[in-house]
């Protein structure tokens, strides 16, 4: 059965796994309960176990420790309004348009893992769909948009719109921007948690009220002031539903496809040979268990003369070399990455993680081995965090490499 379904606004969805989708829905629905249990209850319990004189110190108005724990509980409840809305939207999709178009698979993450991914996904909405998060995303995404504009200069390809593939599409902000700019876009993302959150964001209309988001409420370290933990933002920063509908109406056919299959497995298929005019990778290539497989896959699915545009760091094995591996800071994002990486290994039949790490200059040399000509390269186009609290005392900033490579004849 062809696992493809049409959503509103000419968006098509392919290769959705029913079990993983149900697990993601459950994780978002349980956000309040699971995080009260994991973050609030232990802190109250620990406070009550302290000697009385220490409790009195912590209850002083200048500290207000118990009140701060209550503030955490309140902010979790506010976040749960958003997570519950994501879950309900996913439930509606599953019971209606997706009812007969999901593959059944029992290999999805367990509840505990799903809770971590849901937390990480909710926090990433700050980066992709808040006004304040634009400082992280716009340098990266604008660079890609400018490269594409230069490559195609407003022209069509064989009397059609340029066809762009975006692997590791995450919460779909880059594919959305490309779609609204008039490109035909295929987004590839394996995380069903991110799929649910992004589809909910894309479905927001002008009349829908914004949602409050407290991205740092479950982060208890490296705050200058306690109020920094409770910084509140609004999402989404734009209501895409009307824009998507207008773009689809002008085009007369689907321009945004979402494919949930493994990148290497899916785009190495014969049907994708020379299929795309451009491939854009943003904070993606260092997720590769084997970068050579990624390069070979891009070479296969990119048309002759097509361009591969890349922006991002090279944090190989981020669950070892990032904050989680060093036990620094808050670990949800890195743990979430590890879980998604493990799922990708299962999809590809790998028995365990590979150890292939490359420097930036080695990546460029590998591109040449696989038939690419590097037309542009910048070792650093600037610094950016990834879902980083701008007021935090720990700032993990990435110097982002940027290059454009063309597939040779």
Protein backbone atom coordinates (compact mmCIF):
# COMPACT_ATOMS: atom_id res chain seq x y z
CA UNK A 1 0.00 0.00 0.00
CA UNK A 2 1.31 3.45 -0.86
CA UNK A 3 1.51 5.26 2.48
CA UNK A 4 0.73 8.72 1.10
CA UNK A 5 -2.03 11.02 2.32
CA UNK A 6 -3.04 14.54 1.36
CA UNK A 7 -3.44 17.14 4.10
CA UNK A 8 -4.85 20.64 3.86
CA UNK A 9 -3.06 23.23 1.78
CA UNK A 10 -1.66 20.75 -0.72
CA UNK A 11 0.68 19.12 1.82
CA UNK A 12 1.32 15.41 1.27
CA UNK A 13 2.53 13.03 3.99
CA UNK A 14 4.28 9.74 3.34
CA UNK A 15 5.53 6.74 5.35
CA UNK A 16 3.89 7.51 8.70
CA UNK A 17 4.26 4.81 11.36
CA UNK A 18 1.06 4.32 13.35
CA UNK A 19 2.76 2.97 16.47
CA UNK A 20 5.32 5.77 16.63
CA UNK A 21 2.64 8.36 15.99
CA UNK A 22 0.51 6.96 18.81
CA UNK A 23 3.55 6.92 21.09
CA UNK A 24 4.28 10.56 20.26
CA UNK A 25 0.65 11.54 20.88
CA UNK A 26 0.78 9.79 24.25
CA UNK A 27 4.02 11.57 25.21
CA UNK A 28 2.59 15.02 24.42
CA UNK A 29 -0.66 14.18 26.22
CA UNK A 30 1.27 13.06 29.32
CA UNK A 31 3.55 16.11 29.37
CA UNK A 32 2.10 17.61 32.54
CA UNK A 33 1.88 14.38 34.53
CA UNK A 34 5.30 13.05 33.54
CA UNK A 35 7.13 16.31 34.20
CA UNK A 36 5.38 17.02 37.50
CA UNK A 37 6.51 13.56 38.55
CA UNK A 38 10.07 13.90 37.28
CA UNK A 39 10.85 17.54 38.11
CA UNK A 40 8.45 18.86 40.75
CA UNK A 41 7.76 15.98 43.12
CA UNK A 42 11.44 15.06 43.74
CA UNK A 43 12.34 18.67 44.53
CA UNK A 44 9.51 19.06 47.00
CA UNK A 45 10.44 15.74 48.57
CA UNK A 46 14.07 16.76 48.89
CA UNK A 47 13.10 20.07 50.45
CA UNK A 48 10.97 18.31 53.06
CA UNK A 49 13.87 15.99 53.90
CA UNK A 50 16.14 18.90 54.85
CA UNK A 51 16.72 19.91 58.47
CA UNK A 52 14.20 22.43 59.70
CA UNK A 53 16.71 25.28 59.97
CA UNK A 54 17.69 24.81 56.31
CA UNK A 55 14.04 24.77 55.28
CA UNK A 56 13.58 28.08 57.07
CA UNK A 57 16.51 29.61 55.19
CA UNK A 58 15.12 28.44 51.85
CA UNK A 59 11.66 29.82 52.71
CA UNK A 60 13.03 33.31 53.29
CA UNK A 61 11.40 35.78 50.83
CA UNK A 62 14.78 36.48 49.22
CA UNK A 63 14.99 32.81 48.15
CA UNK A 64 11.39 31.53 48.12
CA UNK A 65 12.49 28.03 47.18
CA UNK A 66 9.10 26.38 47.59
CA UNK A 67 7.38 29.18 45.70
CA UNK A 68 9.83 28.68 42.84
CA UNK A 69 8.98 24.98 42.73
CA UNK A 70 5.32 25.97 42.54
CA UNK A 71 6.18 28.33 39.69
CA UNK A 72 7.75 25.38 37.88
CA UNK A 73 4.53 23.43 38.33
CA UNK A 74 2.49 26.35 36.98
CA UNK A 75 4.73 26.78 33.94
CA UNK A 76 4.56 23.05 33.23
CA UNK A 77 0.78 23.38 33.30
CA UNK A 78 1.00 26.27 30.81
CA UNK A 79 3.28 24.26 28.51
CA UNK A 80 0.85 21.36 28.75
CA UNK A 81 -1.84 23.49 27.09
CA UNK A 82 0.37 23.53 24.01
CA UNK A 83 1.43 19.89 24.28
CA UNK A 84 -2.19 18.77 24.76
CA UNK A 85 -3.27 20.78 21.72
CA UNK A 86 -0.52 19.09 19.69
CA UNK A 87 -1.73 15.70 20.94
CA UNK A 88 -5.37 16.41 20.12
CA UNK A 89 -4.50 17.63 16.64
CA UNK A 90 -2.49 14.45 16.11
CA UNK A 91 -5.36 12.32 17.39
CA UNK A 92 -7.73 13.98 14.94
CA UNK A 93 -5.32 13.36 12.06
CA UNK A 94 -4.83 9.74 13.08
CA UNK A 95 -8.56 9.04 13.32
CA UNK A 96 -9.50 10.79 10.07
CA UNK A 97 -7.14 11.50 7.18
CA UNK A 98 -4.39 9.16 8.43
CA UNK A 99 -6.69 6.31 9.46
CA UNK A 100 -5.92 4.11 6.45
CA UNK A 101 -2.51 5.47 5.52
CA UNK A 102 -0.17 4.45 8.35
CA UNK A 103 2.19 1.52 8.40
CA UNK A 104 2.04 -0.56 11.58
CA UNK A 105 5.36 -1.05 13.33
CA UNK A 106 6.06 -1.94 16.94
CA UNK A 107 9.59 -0.55 17.08
CA UNK A 108 8.81 2.92 18.39
CA UNK A 109 10.40 4.35 21.55
CA UNK A 110 9.01 3.50 24.95
CA UNK A 111 7.09 5.96 27.07
CA UNK A 112 10.13 7.20 29.03
CA UNK A 113 12.07 7.90 25.86
CA UNK A 114 9.02 9.48 24.27
CA UNK A 115 8.67 11.87 27.20
CA UNK A 116 12.23 13.10 26.69
CA UNK A 117 11.72 13.61 22.95
CA UNK A 118 8.43 15.45 23.59
CA UNK A 119 10.17 17.81 26.04
CA UNK A 120 12.98 18.45 23.58
CA UNK A 121 10.53 19.01 20.72
CA UNK A 122 8.44 21.46 22.71
CA UNK A 123 11.56 23.43 23.63
CA UNK A 124 12.69 23.50 19.98
CA UNK A 125 9.52 25.39 19.09
CA UNK A 126 11.34 28.36 20.63
CA UNK A 127 13.98 28.16 17.88
CA UNK A 128 11.68 27.55 14.93
CA UNK A 129 8.41 29.29 15.76
CA UNK A 130 9.05 32.16 18.18
CA UNK A 131 10.00 35.70 17.24
CA UNK A 132 12.90 35.62 19.70
CA UNK A 133 14.20 32.36 18.22
CA UNK A 134 14.78 34.09 14.90
CA UNK A 135 18.26 35.10 16.10
CA UNK A 136 19.23 31.41 15.98
CA UNK A 137 17.52 30.38 12.76
CA UNK A 138 17.63 33.36 10.40
CA UNK A 139 21.37 33.52 9.73
CA UNK A 140 21.35 29.83 8.77
CA UNK A 141 18.13 29.83 6.79
CA UNK A 142 18.69 33.17 5.06
CA UNK A 143 22.06 31.92 3.82
CA UNK A 144 20.38 28.91 2.23
CA UNK A 145 17.60 31.03 0.74
CA UNK A 146 20.15 33.40 -0.80
CA UNK A 147 22.13 30.51 -2.29
CA UNK A 148 18.99 29.05 -3.85
CA UNK A 149 17.96 32.43 -5.24
CA UNK A 150 21.40 32.79 -6.79
CA UNK A 151 21.35 29.25 -8.20
CA UNK A 152 17.96 29.56 -9.87
CA UNK A 153 17.64 33.35 -10.21
CA UNK A 154 13.84 33.19 -10.21
CA UNK A 155 13.79 30.80 -13.16
CA UNK A 156 11.98 27.50 -13.58
CA UNK A 157 13.61 24.16 -14.34
CA UNK A 158 12.18 22.51 -17.46
CA UNK A 159 9.04 24.66 -17.12
CA UNK A 160 8.46 23.70 -13.50
CA UNK A 161 9.40 25.07 -10.11
CA UNK A 162 12.81 24.00 -8.75
CA UNK A 163 12.47 20.83 -6.68
CA UNK A 164 14.25 21.01 -3.30
CA UNK A 165 14.96 18.18 -0.83
CA UNK A 166 15.44 19.08 2.86
CA UNK A 167 16.77 16.10 4.87
CA UNK A 168 16.62 16.37 8.66
CA UNK A 169 13.78 18.86 8.31
CA UNK A 170 13.03 18.99 12.04
CA UNK A 171 10.06 21.24 12.79
CA UNK A 172 9.73 22.20 9.10
CA UNK A 173 10.48 25.93 9.37
CA UNK A 174 13.04 25.83 6.54
CA UNK A 175 10.78 23.72 4.26
CA UNK A 176 7.90 26.08 5.06
CA UNK A 177 9.96 29.14 4.11
CA UNK A 178 11.09 27.48 0.88
CA UNK A 179 7.51 26.45 0.08
CA UNK A 180 6.22 29.99 0.61
CA UNK A 181 9.05 31.28 -1.59
CA UNK A 182 7.65 29.24 -4.47
CA UNK A 183 9.83 26.13 -4.52
CA UNK A 184 8.54 22.58 -4.71
CA UNK A 185 9.80 21.08 -1.46
CA UNK A 186 10.19 17.58 -0.05
CA UNK A 187 10.99 17.50 3.67
CA UNK A 188 12.48 14.36 5.20
CA UNK A 189 12.23 13.83 8.97
CA UNK A 190 12.09 10.57 10.95
CA UNK A 191 10.83 11.97 14.28
CA UNK A 192 7.07 11.56 14.68
CA UNK A 193 7.18 13.87 17.71
CA UNK A 194 8.55 16.64 15.51
CA UNK A 195 6.01 15.77 12.82
CA UNK A 196 3.11 16.25 15.24
CA UNK A 197 4.42 19.57 16.56
CA UNK A 198 5.21 20.95 13.11
CA UNK A 199 1.87 19.94 11.58
CA UNK A 200 0.12 21.66 14.49
CA UNK A 201 2.14 24.83 13.88
CA UNK A 202 1.44 24.73 10.13
CA UNK A 203 -2.28 24.40 10.84
CA UNK A 204 -2.48 27.65 12.83
CA UNK A 205 -4.73 30.28 11.21
CA UNK A 206 -4.83 34.05 11.73
CA UNK A 207 -7.82 33.71 14.06
CA UNK A 208 -6.09 31.16 16.32
CA UNK A 209 -4.66 32.57 19.57
CA UNK A 210 -0.95 32.10 20.28
CA UNK A 211 0.30 29.61 22.85
CA UNK A 212 2.57 30.40 25.78
CA UNK A 213 5.88 28.54 25.83
CA UNK A 214 8.32 28.33 28.75
CA UNK A 215 11.29 26.63 27.06
CA UNK A 216 13.69 26.85 30.03
CA UNK A 217 11.33 25.88 32.86
CA UNK A 218 12.81 22.39 33.19
CA UNK A 219 16.37 23.75 33.09
CA UNK A 220 17.58 24.39 36.64
CA UNK A 221 21.22 25.32 36.03
CA UNK A 222 23.15 28.37 34.86
CA UNK A 223 20.54 31.06 35.54
CA UNK A 224 21.72 34.53 36.57
CA UNK A 225 18.29 35.36 37.97
CA UNK A 226 15.55 32.91 38.89
CA UNK A 227 13.11 34.77 36.66
CA UNK A 228 15.25 33.76 33.67
CA UNK A 229 14.08 30.18 34.15
CA UNK A 230 10.50 31.36 33.66
CA UNK A 231 10.99 33.40 30.48
CA UNK A 232 7.75 33.25 28.50
CA UNK A 233 7.44 33.34 24.71
CA UNK A 234 4.57 33.12 22.22
CA UNK A 235 4.33 30.55 19.44
CA UNK A 236 3.90 30.53 16.55
CA UNK A 237 5.33 33.83 15.36
CA UNK A 238 3.30 33.53 12.15
CA UNK A 239 0.03 31.78 11.26
CA UNK A 240 0.98 29.65 8.23
CA UNK A 241 -2.39 28.08 7.41
CA UNK A 242 -3.68 30.89 5.19
CA UNK A 243 -0.30 31.38 3.49
CA UNK A 244 -0.07 27.65 2.75
CA UNK A 245 -3.58 27.57 1.30
CA UNK A 246 -2.86 30.59 -0.92
CA UNK A 247 0.40 29.08 -2.20
CA UNK A 248 -1.29 25.75 -2.96
CA UNK A 249 -4.14 27.49 -4.78
CA UNK A 250 -1.71 29.41 -7.00
CA UNK A 251 0.30 26.29 -7.79
CA UNK A 252 -2.69 24.06 -8.47
CA UNK A 253 -0.87 21.00 -7.10
CA UNK A 254 1.04 19.87 -3.99
CA UNK A 255 4.30 21.72 -3.44
CA UNK A 256 5.20 20.47 0.05
CA UNK A 257 5.78 16.78 0.69
CA UNK A 258 6.78 15.28 4.03
CA UNK A 259 8.52 11.90 3.96
CA UNK A 260 9.04 10.06 7.26
CA UNK A 261 11.31 7.27 6.01
CA UNK A 262 15.02 6.92 6.75
CA UNK A 263 17.01 9.33 4.57
CA UNK A 264 19.55 6.87 3.16
CA UNK A 265 17.06 4.04 2.66
CA UNK A 266 14.44 6.23 1.00
CA UNK A 267 16.49 8.44 -1.28
CA UNK A 268 18.79 5.67 -2.49
CA UNK A 269 15.80 4.08 -4.23
CA UNK A 270 15.90 4.01 -8.06
CA UNK A 271 12.78 6.19 -8.27
CA UNK A 272 14.72 9.12 -6.75
CA UNK A 273 17.68 9.03 -9.14
CA UNK A 274 18.43 12.57 -10.43
CA UNK A 275 15.13 13.69 -8.89
CA UNK A 276 15.97 16.99 -7.15
CA UNK A 277 17.42 20.26 -8.40
CA UNK A 278 18.86 21.12 -4.97
CA UNK A 279 19.45 19.50 -1.59
CA UNK A 280 19.70 21.74 1.47
CA UNK A 281 21.13 20.44 4.74
CA UNK A 282 20.94 22.51 7.92
CA UNK A 283 22.49 21.17 11.14
CA UNK A 284 22.21 17.73 9.55
CA UNK A 285 25.34 16.12 8.09
CA UNK A 286 26.93 15.51 11.49
CA UNK A 287 23.97 13.28 12.42
CA UNK A 288 25.27 10.69 9.95
CA UNK A 289 26.24 7.28 11.32
CA UNK A 290 28.32 7.15 8.14
CA UNK A 291 28.79 10.41 6.23
CA UNK A 292 29.83 8.50 3.12
CA UNK A 293 26.33 7.04 2.94
CA UNK A 294 24.84 10.53 3.20
CA UNK A 295 27.08 11.87 0.42
CA UNK A 296 26.35 8.90 -1.84
CA UNK A 297 22.62 9.32 -1.24
CA UNK A 298 22.69 13.02 -2.11
CA UNK A 299 24.73 12.23 -5.22
CA UNK A 300 22.12 9.66 -6.25
CA UNK A 301 19.01 11.79 -5.78
CA UNK A 302 20.45 15.14 -6.96
CA UNK A 303 20.18 15.90 -10.66
CA UNK A 304 23.29 16.51 -12.73
CA UNK A 305 24.18 20.17 -12.32
CA UNK A 306 22.11 20.39 -9.14
CA UNK A 307 23.45 22.07 -6.01
CA UNK A 308 23.92 20.84 -2.45
CA UNK A 309 23.82 23.69 0.06
CA UNK A 310 25.01 22.99 3.59
CA UNK A 311 25.08 25.08 6.76
CA UNK A 312 25.96 23.82 10.23
CA UNK A 313 28.59 22.55 12.65
CA UNK A 314 30.33 19.17 12.81
CA UNK A 315 29.32 17.77 16.19
CA UNK A 316 29.79 14.09 15.43
CA UNK A 317 28.18 11.67 17.88
CA UNK A 318 26.62 14.60 19.71
CA UNK A 319 25.33 12.32 22.46
CA UNK A 320 28.97 11.58 23.35
CA UNK A 321 30.74 14.80 22.48
CA UNK A 322 27.99 17.30 23.30
CA UNK A 323 26.76 18.41 26.72
CA UNK A 324 25.17 15.02 27.46
CA UNK A 325 28.41 13.11 26.97
CA UNK A 326 30.28 15.58 29.16
CA UNK A 327 27.39 15.69 31.64
CA UNK A 328 27.09 19.46 31.26
CA UNK A 329 23.96 21.54 31.35
CA UNK A 330 20.53 20.16 30.48
CA UNK A 331 20.60 16.91 28.59
CA UNK A 332 17.18 16.42 27.00
CA UNK A 333 18.17 17.57 23.51
CA UNK A 334 21.22 15.32 23.40
CA UNK A 335 19.37 12.33 24.86
CA UNK A 336 16.62 12.91 22.31
CA UNK A 337 19.22 12.96 19.52
CA UNK A 338 20.68 9.69 20.78
CA UNK A 339 17.26 8.04 20.73
CA UNK A 340 16.49 9.22 17.21
CA UNK A 341 19.97 8.05 16.15
CA UNK A 342 19.29 4.61 17.61
CA UNK A 343 15.98 4.44 15.75
CA UNK A 344 17.76 5.31 12.50
CA UNK A 345 20.27 2.51 13.11
CA UNK A 346 17.40 0.06 13.57
CA UNK A 347 15.78 1.27 10.34
CA UNK A 348 19.00 0.75 8.40
CA UNK A 349 19.78 -2.62 9.98
CA UNK A 350 22.98 -1.41 11.66
CA UNK A 351 24.07 -3.34 14.74
CA UNK A 352 25.65 -0.39 16.49
CA UNK A 353 27.00 3.14 16.09
CA UNK A 354 29.86 3.76 13.71
CA UNK A 355 32.85 5.92 14.53
CA UNK A 356 33.45 8.09 11.49
CA UNK A 357 34.25 11.71 12.26
CA UNK A 358 35.69 14.21 9.80
CA UNK A 359 37.10 17.71 9.85
CA UNK A 360 35.57 20.38 7.64
CA UNK A 361 38.37 20.18 5.07
CA UNK A 362 38.01 16.39 4.95
CA UNK A 363 34.28 16.75 4.27
CA UNK A 364 35.07 18.99 1.30
CA UNK A 365 37.58 16.44 -0.04
CA UNK A 366 35.03 13.65 0.32
CA UNK A 367 32.58 15.67 -1.76
CA UNK A 368 35.10 15.74 -4.61
CA UNK A 369 35.54 11.96 -4.39
CA UNK A 370 31.80 11.57 -4.95
CA UNK A 371 31.60 13.76 -8.02
CA UNK A 372 30.89 17.20 -6.56
CA UNK A 373 32.59 20.49 -7.33
CA UNK A 374 32.72 22.82 -4.32
CA UNK A 375 31.74 26.21 -5.72
CA UNK A 376 31.59 28.17 -2.49
CA UNK A 377 32.86 27.62 1.03
CA UNK A 378 32.97 29.67 4.21
CA UNK A 379 34.57 28.07 7.22
CA UNK A 380 32.43 30.23 9.48
CA UNK A 381 29.50 32.41 8.45
CA UNK A 382 28.82 33.31 12.07
CA UNK A 383 27.94 31.84 15.42
CA UNK A 384 24.61 30.43 16.55
CA UNK A 385 23.29 28.43 19.43
CA UNK A 386 20.78 25.63 19.17
CA UNK A 387 17.78 26.21 21.43
CA UNK A 388 20.02 28.21 23.74
CA UNK A 389 18.73 30.41 26.54
CA UNK A 390 20.08 33.85 25.56
CA UNK A 391 20.27 34.84 29.24
CA UNK A 392 21.94 31.62 30.40
CA UNK A 393 25.40 31.37 31.96
CA UNK A 394 26.32 28.45 29.68
CA UNK A 395 26.37 29.35 25.99
CA UNK A 396 27.19 26.54 23.55
CA UNK A 397 27.79 28.46 20.34
CA UNK A 398 28.54 26.79 17.02
CA UNK A 399 30.73 28.29 14.32
CA UNK A 400 28.76 27.30 11.26
CA UNK A 401 30.45 26.00 8.17
CA UNK A 402 28.79 26.84 4.85
CA UNK A 403 29.41 25.41 1.43
CA UNK A 404 27.73 24.96 -1.94
CA UNK A 405 28.66 21.95 -4.08
CA UNK A 406 27.48 21.17 -7.62
CA UNK A 407 27.05 17.66 -8.98
CA UNK A 408 29.31 17.17 -12.00
CA UNK A 409 28.26 15.76 -15.36
